[in-house]
Amino acid sequence: MTKTIAELQREMAQAMDHQEYELAATLRDQIAALQPGSMIRIQQPGQMGVGTDQQALKPPKGWKPPPKPDLMTRGHKPRGGKR
């Protein structure tokens, strides 16, 4: 069951009234993740990168990295000469 932002805010206010601050912080994080345009993502267990607390993100299927630039042509004008 997915709760709405208003329901979570109500629960967070009740938790603050009962001095359950850890529950209120958890609810605050859930509210932030549900906000439109939020950059916050809930991390999935077992998806963390090695030696970090950040989730290792995988590129979408079919994505190819762009080609690397040719190091021999960097810094030159199209018709020769240095910039």
C-alpha atoms as a PDB file:
ATOM      1  CA  MET A   1       0.000   0.000   0.000  1.00  0.00           C
ATOM      2  CA  THR A   2       1.466   3.313  -1.067  1.00  0.00           C
ATOM      3  CA  LYS A   3       0.772   6.216   1.237  1.00  0.00           C
ATOM      4  CA  THR A   4       0.311   9.759   0.010  1.00  0.00           C
ATOM      5  CA  ILE A   5       2.565  12.615   1.023  1.00  0.00           C
ATOM      6  CA  ALA A   6      -0.209  14.123   3.166  1.00  0.00           C
ATOM      7  CA  GLU A   7      -0.638  10.859   5.103  1.00  0.00           C
ATOM      8  CA  LEU A   8       3.102  10.583   5.681  1.00  0.00           C
ATOM      9  CA  GLN A   9       3.253  14.212   6.868  1.00  0.00           C
ATOM     10  CA  ARG A  10       0.408  13.509   9.309  1.00  0.00           C
ATOM     11  CA  GLU A  11       2.226  10.432  10.640  1.00  0.00           C
ATOM     12  CA  MET A  12       5.459  12.425  10.932  1.00  0.00           C
ATOM     13  CA  ALA A  13       3.684  15.114  12.992  1.00  0.00           C
ATOM     14  CA  GLN A  14       2.241  12.441  15.294  1.00  0.00           C
ATOM     15  CA  ALA A  15       5.678  10.860  15.711  1.00  0.00           C
ATOM     16  CA  MET A  16       7.143  14.265  16.629  1.00  0.00           C
ATOM     17  CA  ASP A  17       4.353  14.805  19.187  1.00  0.00           C
ATOM     18  CA  HIS A  18       5.172  11.432  20.777  1.00  0.00           C
ATOM     19  CA  GLN A  19       8.940  12.232  20.642  1.00  0.00           C
ATOM     20  CA  GLU A  20       9.667   9.339  18.280  1.00  0.00           C
ATOM     21  CA  TYR A  21      12.353  11.189  16.364  1.00  0.00           C
ATOM     22  CA  GLU A  22      13.837   8.216  14.531  1.00  0.00           C
ATOM     23  CA  LEU A  23      10.445   7.323  13.077  1.00  0.00           C
ATOM     24  CA  ALA A  24       9.879  10.973  12.159  1.00  0.00           C
ATOM     25  CA  ALA A  25      13.246  11.087  10.360  1.00  0.00           C
ATOM     26  CA  THR A  26      12.388   7.918   8.419  1.00  0.00           C
ATOM     27  CA  LEU A  27       9.052   9.400   7.396  1.00  0.00           C
ATOM     28  CA  ARG A  28      10.765  12.657   6.399  1.00  0.00           C
ATOM     29  CA  ASP A  29      13.092  10.723   4.086  1.00  0.00           C
ATOM     30  CA  GLN A  30      10.146   8.869   2.547  1.00  0.00           C
ATOM     31  CA  ILE A  31       8.356  12.175   1.936  1.00  0.00           C
ATOM     32  CA  ALA A  32      11.451  13.638   0.302  1.00  0.00           C
ATOM     33  CA  ALA A  33      11.763  10.610  -2.002  1.00  0.00           C
ATOM     34  CA  LEU A  34       8.118  10.974  -3.099  1.00  0.00           C
ATOM     35  CA  GLN A  35       8.365  14.691  -3.946  1.00  0.00           C
ATOM     36  CA  PRO A  36       8.215  15.312  -7.719  1.00  0.00           C
ATOM     37  CA  GLY A  37      11.619  16.161  -9.156  1.00  0.00           C
ATOM     38  CA  SER A  38      13.385  14.776  -6.093  1.00  0.00           C
ATOM     39  CA  MET A  39      17.007  13.763  -6.538  1.00  0.00           C
ATOM     40  CA  ILE A  40      16.810  11.486  -3.496  1.00  0.00           C
ATOM     41  CA  ARG A  41      16.735   7.774  -4.217  1.00  0.00           C
ATOM     42  CA  ILE A  42      16.126   5.057  -1.670  1.00  0.00           C
ATOM     43  CA  GLN A  43      19.133   2.772  -1.807  1.00  0.00           C
ATOM     44  CA  GLN A  44      18.519  -0.905  -2.413  1.00  0.00           C
ATOM     45  CA  PRO A  45      20.278  -3.450  -0.162  1.00  0.00           C
ATOM     46  CA  GLY A  46      23.019  -5.370  -1.944  1.00  0.00           C
ATOM     47  CA  GLN A  47      23.473  -2.694  -4.625  1.00  0.00           C
ATOM     48  CA  MET A  48      26.196  -0.672  -2.896  1.00  0.00           C
ATOM     49  CA  GLY A  49      29.523  -0.067  -4.578  1.00  0.00           C
ATOM     50  CA  VAL A  50      32.632  -1.593  -3.041  1.00  0.00           C
ATOM     51  CA  GLY A  51      34.120   0.615  -0.303  1.00  0.00           C
ATOM     52  CA  THR A  52      31.376   3.238  -0.455  1.00  0.00           C
ATOM     53  CA  ASP A  53      27.952   4.014   0.944  1.00  0.00           C
ATOM     54  CA  GLN A  54      26.677   5.048  -2.494  1.00  0.00           C
ATOM     55  CA  GLN A  55      24.637   2.755  -4.681  1.00  0.00           C
ATOM     56  CA  ALA A  56      26.412   1.528  -7.806  1.00  0.00           C
ATOM     57  CA  LEU A  57      24.206   2.690 -10.685  1.00  0.00           C
ATOM     58  CA  LYS A  58      24.051   0.666 -13.879  1.00  0.00           C
ATOM     59  CA  PRO A  59      23.529   2.320 -17.279  1.00  0.00           C
ATOM     60  CA  PRO A  60      20.285   1.508 -19.110  1.00  0.00           C
ATOM     61  CA  LYS A  61      20.190  -1.394 -21.546  1.00  0.00           C
ATOM     62  CA  GLY A  62      21.552  -0.553 -24.974  1.00  0.00           C
ATOM     63  CA  TRP A  63      23.627   2.420 -23.722  1.00  0.00           C
ATOM     64  CA  LYS A  64      27.059   2.737 -25.265  1.00  0.00           C
ATOM     65  CA  PRO A  65      29.717   5.119 -23.972  1.00  0.00           C
ATOM     66  CA  PRO A  66      30.618   7.964 -26.337  1.00  0.00           C
ATOM     67  CA  PRO A  67      33.813   7.550 -28.344  1.00  0.00           C
ATOM     68  CA  LYS A  68      36.949   8.905 -26.741  1.00  0.00           C
ATOM     69  CA  PRO A  69      38.496  11.942 -28.437  1.00  0.00           C
ATOM     70  CA  ASP A  70      41.586  11.470 -30.568  1.00  0.00           C
ATOM     71  CA  LEU A  71      44.481  12.780 -28.494  1.00  0.00           C
ATOM     72  CA  MET A  72      46.548  13.548 -31.605  1.00  0.00           C
ATOM     73  CA  THR A  73      44.087  16.177 -32.857  1.00  0.00           C
ATOM     74  CA  ARG A  74      43.432  18.038 -29.596  1.00  0.00           C
ATOM     75  CA  GLY A  75      44.563  21.655 -29.691  1.00  0.00           C
ATOM     76  CA  HIS A  76      44.925  21.933 -33.480  1.00  0.00           C
ATOM     77  CA  LYS A  77      42.911  23.990 -35.947  1.00  0.00           C
ATOM     78  CA  PRO A  78      40.925  22.126 -38.618  1.00  0.00           C
ATOM     79  CA  ARG A  79      43.367  23.193 -41.402  1.00  0.00           C
ATOM     80  CA  GLY A  80      46.561  22.702 -39.487  1.00  0.00           C
ATOM     81  CA  GLY A  81      48.544  24.813 -37.078  1.00  0.00           C
ATOM     82  CA  LYS A  82      48.235  25.336 -33.346  1.00  0.00           C
ATOM     83  CA  ARG A  83      45.510  27.303 -31.629  1.00  0.00           C
END
